[in-house]
Every structure is written in structure tokens, then in C-alpha cells.
Amino acid sequence: MSALYQNNQLLVKRAIRVAFFATAVWGLVWSAQFFVASNYYYRVNNQLESWQANANLVNASKVNEAITKLDSAISMFPDNALYYQMLGQLYEWNAYISANEETLLKGAFINYQRSLAIRPLWPASWVGLASVKWKLNQVDSTFYQFLNQAIEVGPQDAVVHKFVVEFGLANFAARSPEYIKMIKLLKHHMELGLLNPHSRNEIVQSIVKYEVEEPACRWMQTASYPVRKRIPNCITYD
């Protein structure tokens, strides 16, 4: 009995050592994958931010390289909603510079859906779905469902402010009937967006791009000074 007990003890110790070793190896592999995936994410994120600031920096080679990096990150962490959301953005940029726009926009749409399947309360992915519908000239009831969902889950989110203002001003400048549906939301999110440090610069750029400084100043006439001063030529000191 003593020899059998000793043998069992040895087997238990070996099993513990093997389990410990396997856990350590798994931890090292996970850490290495996490480092690589995070590195890819931050590099792609920096590219997206630079393209947003200057679209002339975008080209097919850069976009495809970024997609390859993010695909690799997804292969290591397939349940990361942020990666799919970012991949959707890359497909939108690819559509922006490609003749195969519709197919690429549909690819963006699929990735935004994948992101929401994992994290359904992510405003940026709902904005992504609305963005694709807009670019496909499908501003219909489903578009507004996506937009309203983005607003519901992210009423203070900078991404929501930027999209609502961009869409609203584009339709105002085009004299589109959609502007009538958007005017209240446009004013609300313009005010919030001009207060938010993560959206104010982009919103000012949209105001300047569509040459709506005077209407924007009028819409914000009851807003606070910090809001009005952001709009070009809105505050005078005469």
C-alpha cells in the first residue's frame, strides 16, 4: 500500500507540474499574441485618425496593409468587437478610393454587424451601419433605425455628434427634404459636439466645408459662449 501510495503521489506531482507548465506556456503565447494584436490595433488606429484629418493621405496600398494587420489581430482574438468595428472603417476607406465601392461598403456593413453581435451597445458600430446606408443612397427607415439606435446607446458619444452633424449639414447644403427630419437632432448634437473636445474640431471642419457658418451661428444663438466661439465669425467684439 505504501509503494502504491508513493506512486500515486508521484503521478499527482507530475500531473501538477505538467499542468503548471502548460498554463505557463499558454500564458506566454497569449501575452505574445496580445502584444502583436495590440500593436496592430494602435498602428491602424493612428492611420485612421490621420486619414480622417487628411483624406489625401489614403491610398489602396496603405488600406490593404491595414486590413491585413487587422485580419491577423482578429485571427488571434476573434471575439474582439472593436477589431470588427475598425475593420468596417477600413472597408469604408477602401470603398472611398476604389471603383468597387458597393461591394466594399457591403463588406463594411457585415463587419459592423459582427461587431454589434459581440457588443450590441457600441454607438460607433451603429453609426457605421448608418454611414454605409447613406453612402449606398439608402436613406430609408432602416437608416433612421440605425441612427436612432446610435443616439440611444451613445447620446454623449463624440462619434454620434460628428455623424449627425455631417449628415445634417450635407442635407441642409443639398436642400434635401431629409434636413427637415434632422434639424432638431442637428442643433442638439452640434451644440454637444462643439462642447466635446473629441468632436469639436471635426464639427467645425464640417461647418466650414459646407459653408454654413451663418446658419450654424443662428442655430446656436441660445447656446453658451464656449459653443458659439467655436463657430467661425460667430462671436464679434465690436
C-alpha atoms as a PDB file:
ATOM      1  CA  MET A   1       0.000   0.000   0.000  1.00  0.00           C
ATOM      2  CA  SER A   2       2.863   2.327   0.826  1.00  0.00           C
ATOM      3  CA  ALA A   3       4.532   1.814  -2.584  1.00  0.00           C
ATOM      4  CA  LEU A   4       1.212   2.312  -4.366  1.00  0.00           C
ATOM      5  CA  TYR A   5       0.573   5.482  -2.376  1.00  0.00           C
ATOM      6  CA  GLN A   6       4.028   6.795  -3.244  1.00  0.00           C
ATOM      7  CA  ASN A   7       3.489   6.042  -6.939  1.00  0.00           C
ATOM      8  CA  ASN A   8       0.158   7.852  -6.865  1.00  0.00           C
ATOM      9  CA  GLN A   9       1.797  10.797  -5.176  1.00  0.00           C
ATOM     10  CA  LEU A  10       4.468  10.912  -7.876  1.00  0.00           C
ATOM     11  CA  LEU A  11       1.808  10.794 -10.594  1.00  0.00           C
ATOM     12  CA  VAL A  12      -0.100  13.634  -8.948  1.00  0.00           C
ATOM     13  CA  LYS A  13       3.043  15.744  -8.688  1.00  0.00           C
ATOM     14  CA  ARG A  14       3.908  15.087 -12.324  1.00  0.00           C
ATOM     15  CA  ALA A  15       0.379  15.983 -13.382  1.00  0.00           C
ATOM     16  CA  ILE A  16       0.613  19.225 -11.413  1.00  0.00           C
ATOM     17  CA  ARG A  17       3.968  20.074 -12.999  1.00  0.00           C
ATOM     18  CA  VAL A  18       2.633  19.338 -16.487  1.00  0.00           C
ATOM     19  CA  ALA A  19      -0.466  21.440 -15.849  1.00  0.00           C
ATOM     20  CA  PHE A  20       1.655  24.275 -14.465  1.00  0.00           C
ATOM     21  CA  PHE A  21       3.986  24.106 -17.457  1.00  0.00           C
ATOM     22  CA  ALA A  22       1.073  24.042 -19.913  1.00  0.00           C
ATOM     23  CA  THR A  23      -0.518  27.026 -18.174  1.00  0.00           C
ATOM     24  CA  ALA A  24       2.752  28.932 -18.282  1.00  0.00           C
ATOM     25  CA  VAL A  25       3.219  28.202 -21.977  1.00  0.00           C
ATOM     26  CA  TRP A  26      -0.377  29.222 -22.721  1.00  0.00           C
ATOM     27  CA  GLY A  27       0.185  32.446 -20.784  1.00  0.00           C
ATOM     28  CA  LEU A  28       3.313  33.239 -22.768  1.00  0.00           C
ATOM     29  CA  VAL A  29       1.572  32.547 -26.076  1.00  0.00           C
ATOM     30  CA  TRP A  30      -1.444  34.644 -25.061  1.00  0.00           C
ATOM     31  CA  SER A  31       0.799  37.506 -23.946  1.00  0.00           C
ATOM     32  CA  ALA A  32       2.722  37.415 -27.219  1.00  0.00           C
ATOM     33  CA  GLN A  33      -0.491  37.377 -29.256  1.00  0.00           C
ATOM     34  CA  PHE A  34      -1.947  40.206 -27.177  1.00  0.00           C
ATOM     35  CA  PHE A  35       1.174  42.299 -27.740  1.00  0.00           C
ATOM     36  CA  VAL A  36       1.111  41.713 -31.511  1.00  0.00           C
ATOM     37  CA  ALA A  37      -2.641  42.317 -31.829  1.00  0.00           C
ATOM     38  CA  SER A  38      -2.476  45.484 -29.710  1.00  0.00           C
ATOM     39  CA  ASN A  39       0.427  46.764 -31.769  1.00  0.00           C
ATOM     40  CA  TYR A  40      -1.562  46.202 -34.962  1.00  0.00           C
ATOM     41  CA  TYR A  41      -4.597  47.920 -33.461  1.00  0.00           C
ATOM     42  CA  TYR A  42      -2.753  51.077 -32.411  1.00  0.00           C
ATOM     43  CA  ARG A  43      -0.915  51.341 -35.706  1.00  0.00           C
ATOM     44  CA  VAL A  44      -4.152  51.019 -37.673  1.00  0.00           C
ATOM     45  CA  ASN A  45      -5.950  53.416 -35.322  1.00  0.00           C
ATOM     46  CA  ASN A  46      -3.228  56.033 -35.866  1.00  0.00           C
ATOM     47  CA  GLN A  47      -3.634  55.627 -39.624  1.00  0.00           C
ATOM     48  CA  LEU A  48      -7.408  56.045 -39.411  1.00  0.00           C
ATOM     49  CA  GLU A  49      -7.004  59.231 -37.389  1.00  0.00           C
ATOM     50  CA  SER A  50      -4.519  60.656 -39.885  1.00  0.00           C
ATOM     51  CA  TRP A  51      -6.799  59.819 -42.830  1.00  0.00           C
ATOM     52  CA  GLN A  52      -9.732  61.444 -41.071  1.00  0.00           C
ATOM     53  CA  ALA A  53      -7.677  64.604 -40.709  1.00  0.00           C
ATOM     54  CA  ASN A  54      -6.394  64.470 -44.299  1.00  0.00           C
ATOM     55  CA  ALA A  55      -8.049  62.132 -46.806  1.00  0.00           C
ATOM     56  CA  ASN A  56      -5.268  62.808 -49.307  1.00  0.00           C
ATOM     57  CA  LEU A  57      -3.026  60.535 -47.236  1.00  0.00           C
ATOM     58  CA  VAL A  58      -5.119  57.469 -48.102  1.00  0.00           C
ATOM     59  CA  ASN A  59      -4.132  55.037 -50.849  1.00  0.00           C
ATOM     60  CA  ALA A  60      -5.001  51.450 -51.714  1.00  0.00           C
ATOM     61  CA  SER A  61      -1.657  50.063 -50.532  1.00  0.00           C
ATOM     62  CA  LYS A  62      -1.995  51.606 -47.077  1.00  0.00           C
ATOM     63  CA  VAL A  63      -5.585  50.469 -46.667  1.00  0.00           C
ATOM     64  CA  ASN A  64      -4.871  46.903 -47.759  1.00  0.00           C
ATOM     65  CA  GLU A  65      -1.855  46.719 -45.458  1.00  0.00           C
ATOM     66  CA  ALA A  66      -4.008  47.920 -42.554  1.00  0.00           C
ATOM     67  CA  ILE A  67      -6.707  45.355 -43.377  1.00  0.00           C
ATOM     68  CA  THR A  68      -4.079  42.582 -43.370  1.00  0.00           C
ATOM     69  CA  LYS A  69      -2.873  43.655 -39.921  1.00  0.00           C
ATOM     70  CA  LEU A  70      -6.372  43.781 -38.510  1.00  0.00           C
ATOM     71  CA  ASP A  71      -7.303  40.431 -40.054  1.00  0.00           C
ATOM     72  CA  SER A  72      -4.296  38.987 -38.236  1.00  0.00           C
ATOM     73  CA  ALA A  73      -5.406  40.557 -34.949  1.00  0.00           C
ATOM     74  CA  ILE A  74      -8.898  39.110 -35.438  1.00  0.00           C
ATOM     75  CA  SER A  75      -7.468  35.650 -36.112  1.00  0.00           C
ATOM     76  CA  MET A  76      -5.850  35.810 -32.664  1.00  0.00           C
ATOM     77  CA  PHE A  77      -8.802  37.427 -30.859  1.00  0.00           C
ATOM     78  CA  PRO A  78     -11.967  36.688 -32.870  1.00  0.00           C
ATOM     79  CA  ASP A  79     -14.298  37.930 -30.116  1.00  0.00           C
ATOM     80  CA  ASN A  80     -12.998  41.496 -30.022  1.00  0.00           C
ATOM     81  CA  ALA A  81     -15.845  43.777 -31.177  1.00  0.00           C
ATOM     82  CA  LEU A  82     -13.517  46.759 -31.580  1.00  0.00           C
ATOM     83  CA  TYR A  83     -11.450  44.978 -34.227  1.00  0.00           C
ATOM     84  CA  TYR A  84     -14.524  44.322 -36.384  1.00  0.00           C
ATOM     85  CA  GLN A  85     -15.683  47.913 -35.969  1.00  0.00           C
ATOM     86  CA  MET A  86     -12.284  49.160 -37.069  1.00  0.00           C
ATOM     87  CA  LEU A  87     -12.259  46.701 -39.986  1.00  0.00           C
ATOM     88  CA  GLY A  88     -15.578  48.176 -41.079  1.00  0.00           C
ATOM     89  CA  GLN A  89     -13.949  51.608 -41.164  1.00  0.00           C
ATOM     90  CA  LEU A  90     -11.123  50.265 -43.308  1.00  0.00           C
ATOM     91  CA  TYR A  91     -13.607  48.815 -45.792  1.00  0.00           C
ATOM     92  CA  GLU A  92     -15.314  52.208 -45.946  1.00  0.00           C
ATOM     93  CA  TRP A  93     -11.995  53.866 -46.719  1.00  0.00           C
ATOM     94  CA  ASN A  94     -11.274  51.215 -49.320  1.00  0.00           C
ATOM     95  CA  ALA A  95     -14.631  51.996 -50.921  1.00  0.00           C
ATOM     96  CA  TYR A  96     -13.725  55.693 -50.885  1.00  0.00           C
ATOM     97  CA  ILE A  97     -10.687  55.130 -53.110  1.00  0.00           C
ATOM     98  CA  SER A  98     -11.914  52.136 -55.132  1.00  0.00           C
ATOM     99  CA  ALA A  99     -14.126  51.682 -58.160  1.00  0.00           C
ATOM    100  CA  ASN A 100     -15.681  48.656 -56.471  1.00  0.00           C
ATOM    101  CA  GLU A 101     -17.495  50.865 -53.976  1.00  0.00           C
ATOM    102  CA  GLU A 102     -20.720  48.956 -53.457  1.00  0.00           C
ATOM    103  CA  THR A 103     -19.084  45.593 -52.734  1.00  0.00           C
ATOM    104  CA  LEU A 104     -16.640  47.131 -50.274  1.00  0.00           C
ATOM    105  CA  LEU A 105     -19.377  49.055 -48.490  1.00  0.00           C
ATOM    106  CA  LYS A 106     -21.310  45.812 -48.088  1.00  0.00           C
ATOM    107  CA  GLY A 107     -18.151  44.322 -46.579  1.00  0.00           C
ATOM    108  CA  ALA A 108     -18.033  47.237 -44.129  1.00  0.00           C
ATOM    109  CA  PHE A 109     -21.678  46.626 -43.253  1.00  0.00           C
ATOM    110  CA  ILE A 110     -21.002  42.959 -42.476  1.00  0.00           C
ATOM    111  CA  ASN A 111     -18.120  43.838 -40.156  1.00  0.00           C
ATOM    112  CA  TYR A 112     -20.204  46.407 -38.281  1.00  0.00           C
ATOM    113  CA  GLN A 113     -22.853  43.720 -37.817  1.00  0.00           C
ATOM    114  CA  ARG A 114     -20.200  41.338 -36.490  1.00  0.00           C
ATOM    115  CA  SER A 115     -19.068  43.984 -34.041  1.00  0.00           C
ATOM    116  CA  LEU A 116     -22.619  44.523 -32.782  1.00  0.00           C
ATOM    117  CA  ALA A 117     -23.224  40.773 -32.438  1.00  0.00           C
ATOM    118  CA  ILE A 118     -20.479  40.825 -29.796  1.00  0.00           C
ATOM    119  CA  ARG A 119     -21.148  44.254 -28.302  1.00  0.00           C
ATOM    120  CA  PRO A 120     -24.642  45.498 -29.213  1.00  0.00           C
ATOM    121  CA  LEU A 121     -24.398  48.740 -27.230  1.00  0.00           C
ATOM    122  CA  TRP A 122     -21.472  50.135 -29.201  1.00  0.00           C
ATOM    123  CA  PRO A 123     -22.528  53.508 -30.751  1.00  0.00           C
ATOM    124  CA  ALA A 124     -19.697  53.605 -33.300  1.00  0.00           C
ATOM    125  CA  SER A 125     -20.857  50.370 -34.924  1.00  0.00           C
ATOM    126  CA  TRP A 126     -24.449  51.620 -35.186  1.00  0.00           C
ATOM    127  CA  VAL A 127     -23.087  54.809 -36.742  1.00  0.00           C
ATOM    128  CA  GLY A 128     -21.113  52.604 -39.123  1.00  0.00           C
ATOM    129  CA  LEU A 129     -24.279  50.860 -40.312  1.00  0.00           C
ATOM    130  CA  ALA A 130     -25.988  54.231 -40.859  1.00  0.00           C
ATOM    131  CA  SER A 131     -22.898  55.537 -42.656  1.00  0.00           C
ATOM    132  CA  VAL A 132     -22.912  52.627 -45.105  1.00  0.00           C
ATOM    133  CA  LYS A 133     -26.634  53.073 -45.790  1.00  0.00           C
ATOM    134  CA  TRP A 134     -26.050  56.754 -46.523  1.00  0.00           C
ATOM    135  CA  LYS A 135     -23.155  56.048 -48.880  1.00  0.00           C
ATOM    136  CA  LEU A 136     -25.276  53.460 -50.704  1.00  0.00           C
ATOM    137  CA  ASN A 137     -28.003  56.115 -51.149  1.00  0.00           C
ATOM    138  CA  GLN A 138     -30.325  54.096 -48.940  1.00  0.00           C
ATOM    139  CA  VAL A 139     -31.549  56.764 -46.537  1.00  0.00           C
ATOM    140  CA  ASP A 140     -34.706  54.921 -45.572  1.00  0.00           C
ATOM    141  CA  SER A 141     -36.493  53.795 -42.415  1.00  0.00           C
ATOM    142  CA  THR A 142     -33.709  51.295 -41.683  1.00  0.00           C
ATOM    143  CA  PHE A 143     -31.124  54.087 -41.892  1.00  0.00           C
ATOM    144  CA  TYR A 144     -33.034  56.046 -39.264  1.00  0.00           C
ATOM    145  CA  GLN A 145     -33.367  52.944 -37.101  1.00  0.00           C
ATOM    146  CA  PHE A 146     -29.576  52.609 -37.094  1.00  0.00           C
ATOM    147  CA  LEU A 147     -29.127  56.326 -36.441  1.00  0.00           C
ATOM    148  CA  ASN A 148     -31.646  56.378 -33.600  1.00  0.00           C
ATOM    149  CA  GLN A 149     -30.057  53.298 -32.054  1.00  0.00           C
ATOM    150  CA  ALA A 150     -26.653  55.005 -32.149  1.00  0.00           C
ATOM    151  CA  ILE A 151     -28.132  58.040 -30.413  1.00  0.00           C
ATOM    152  CA  GLU A 152     -29.913  55.887 -27.831  1.00  0.00           C
ATOM    153  CA  VAL A 153     -26.821  53.943 -26.783  1.00  0.00           C
ATOM    154  CA  GLY A 154     -24.382  56.857 -27.166  1.00  0.00           C
ATOM    155  CA  PRO A 155     -26.184  60.174 -26.574  1.00  0.00           C
ATOM    156  CA  GLN A 156     -22.936  61.821 -25.447  1.00  0.00           C
ATOM    157  CA  ASP A 157     -20.583  59.970 -27.779  1.00  0.00           C
ATOM    158  CA  ALA A 158     -18.326  62.117 -29.981  1.00  0.00           C
ATOM    159  CA  VAL A 159     -18.751  59.706 -32.913  1.00  0.00           C
ATOM    160  CA  VAL A 160     -22.521  60.232 -32.774  1.00  0.00           C
ATOM    161  CA  HIS A 161     -22.172  64.026 -32.645  1.00  0.00           C
ATOM    162  CA  LYS A 162     -19.861  64.047 -35.663  1.00  0.00           C
ATOM    163  CA  PHE A 163     -22.061  61.808 -37.789  1.00  0.00           C
ATOM    164  CA  VAL A 164     -25.342  63.593 -37.007  1.00  0.00           C
ATOM    165  CA  VAL A 165     -23.794  66.981 -37.812  1.00  0.00           C
ATOM    166  CA  GLU A 166     -22.124  65.750 -41.006  1.00  0.00           C
ATOM    167  CA  PHE A 167     -25.311  64.124 -42.270  1.00  0.00           C
ATOM    168  CA  GLY A 168     -27.487  67.052 -41.240  1.00  0.00           C
ATOM    169  CA  LEU A 169     -25.256  69.691 -42.825  1.00  0.00           C
ATOM    170  CA  ALA A 170     -24.831  67.674 -46.027  1.00  0.00           C
ATOM    171  CA  ASN A 171     -28.604  67.537 -46.425  1.00  0.00           C
ATOM    172  CA  PHE A 172     -29.006  71.206 -45.487  1.00  0.00           C
ATOM    173  CA  ALA A 173     -26.437  72.226 -48.116  1.00  0.00           C
ATOM    174  CA  ALA A 174     -28.132  69.992 -50.712  1.00  0.00           C
ATOM    175  CA  ARG A 175     -31.590  71.413 -49.873  1.00  0.00           C
ATOM    176  CA  SER A 176     -32.714  67.853 -49.225  1.00  0.00           C
ATOM    177  CA  PRO A 177     -36.049  67.102 -47.520  1.00  0.00           C
ATOM    178  CA  GLU A 178     -34.094  64.892 -45.116  1.00  0.00           C
ATOM    179  CA  TYR A 179     -32.834  68.090 -43.491  1.00  0.00           C
ATOM    180  CA  ILE A 180     -36.332  68.779 -42.111  1.00  0.00           C
ATOM    181  CA  LYS A 181     -36.234  65.430 -40.307  1.00  0.00           C
ATOM    182  CA  MET A 182     -32.807  66.202 -38.900  1.00  0.00           C
ATOM    183  CA  ILE A 183     -32.970  69.846 -37.830  1.00  0.00           C
ATOM    184  CA  LYS A 184     -33.668  69.218 -34.136  1.00  0.00           C
ATOM    185  CA  LEU A 185     -31.061  66.478 -33.905  1.00  0.00           C
ATOM    186  CA  LEU A 186     -28.612  68.598 -35.891  1.00  0.00           C
ATOM    187  CA  LYS A 187     -28.881  71.552 -33.494  1.00  0.00           C
ATOM    188  CA  HIS A 188     -28.724  69.317 -30.427  1.00  0.00           C
ATOM    189  CA  HIS A 189     -25.656  67.359 -31.494  1.00  0.00           C
ATOM    190  CA  MET A 190     -23.916  70.408 -32.940  1.00  0.00           C
ATOM    191  CA  GLU A 191     -24.102  72.061 -29.528  1.00  0.00           C
ATOM    192  CA  LEU A 192     -22.969  68.936 -27.675  1.00  0.00           C
ATOM    193  CA  GLY A 193     -20.299  68.224 -30.265  1.00  0.00           C
ATOM    194  CA  LEU A 194     -18.811  71.713 -30.074  1.00  0.00           C
ATOM    195  CA  LEU A 195     -18.506  71.276 -26.314  1.00  0.00           C
ATOM    196  CA  ASN A 196     -16.900  67.841 -26.609  1.00  0.00           C
ATOM    197  CA  PRO A 197     -13.093  68.032 -27.127  1.00  0.00           C
ATOM    198  CA  HIS A 198     -13.202  64.760 -29.081  1.00  0.00           C
ATOM    199  CA  SER A 199     -15.596  66.083 -31.733  1.00  0.00           C
ATOM    200  CA  ARG A 200     -15.381  69.886 -31.819  1.00  0.00           C
ATOM    201  CA  ASN A 201     -12.625  70.150 -34.430  1.00  0.00           C
ATOM    202  CA  GLU A 202     -14.363  67.796 -36.861  1.00  0.00           C
ATOM    203  CA  ILE A 203     -17.667  69.628 -36.427  1.00  0.00           C
ATOM    204  CA  VAL A 204     -16.029  72.984 -37.122  1.00  0.00           C
ATOM    205  CA  GLN A 205     -14.473  71.423 -40.233  1.00  0.00           C
ATOM    206  CA  SER A 206     -17.930  70.283 -41.372  1.00  0.00           C
ATOM    207  CA  ILE A 207     -19.377  73.769 -40.795  1.00  0.00           C
ATOM    208  CA  VAL A 208     -16.605  75.299 -42.892  1.00  0.00           C
ATOM    209  CA  LYS A 209     -16.771  72.605 -45.585  1.00  0.00           C
ATOM    210  CA  TYR A 210     -20.472  73.180 -46.199  1.00  0.00           C
ATOM    211  CA  GLU A 211     -20.083  76.974 -45.806  1.00  0.00           C
ATOM    212  CA  VAL A 212     -22.818  77.211 -43.176  1.00  0.00           C
ATOM    213  CA  GLU A 213     -21.104  79.473 -40.640  1.00  0.00           C
ATOM    214  CA  GLU A 214     -24.004  81.955 -40.639  1.00  0.00           C
ATOM    215  CA  PRO A 215     -26.817  79.367 -40.226  1.00  0.00           C
ATOM    216  CA  ALA A 216     -24.790  77.495 -37.614  1.00  0.00           C
ATOM    217  CA  CYS A 217     -24.304  80.705 -35.639  1.00  0.00           C
ATOM    218  CA  ARG A 218     -28.031  81.393 -35.864  1.00  0.00           C
ATOM    219  CA  TRP A 219     -28.916  77.867 -34.721  1.00  0.00           C
ATOM    220  CA  MET A 220     -26.577  78.261 -31.731  1.00  0.00           C
ATOM    221  CA  GLN A 221     -27.798  81.718 -30.721  1.00  0.00           C
ATOM    222  CA  THR A 222     -29.034  80.469 -27.330  1.00  0.00           C
ATOM    223  CA  ALA A 223     -26.005  78.251 -26.740  1.00  0.00           C
ATOM    224  CA  SER A 224     -23.221  79.139 -24.327  1.00  0.00           C
ATOM    225  CA  TYR A 225     -20.230  81.281 -25.228  1.00  0.00           C
ATOM    226  CA  PRO A 226     -17.840  78.271 -25.374  1.00  0.00           C
ATOM    227  CA  VAL A 227     -20.078  76.808 -28.095  1.00  0.00           C
ATOM    228  CA  ARG A 228     -20.588  79.971 -30.128  1.00  0.00           C
ATOM    229  CA  LYS A 229     -16.923  80.966 -30.105  1.00  0.00           C
ATOM    230  CA  ARG A 230     -16.026  77.743 -31.942  1.00  0.00           C
ATOM    231  CA  ILE A 231     -18.076  78.750 -34.987  1.00  0.00           C
ATOM    232  CA  PRO A 232     -16.061  80.971 -37.353  1.00  0.00           C
ATOM    233  CA  ASN A 233     -17.231  84.612 -37.383  1.00  0.00           C
ATOM    234  CA  CYS A 234     -19.996  83.901 -34.877  1.00  0.00           C
ATOM    235  CA  ILE A 235     -18.622  85.982 -31.991  1.00  0.00           C
ATOM    236  CA  THR A 236     -17.797  89.625 -32.687  1.00  0.00           C
ATOM    237  CA  TYR A 237     -16.187  92.158 -30.372  1.00  0.00           C
ATOM    238  CA  ASP A 238     -17.385  95.397 -31.975  1.00  0.00           C
END
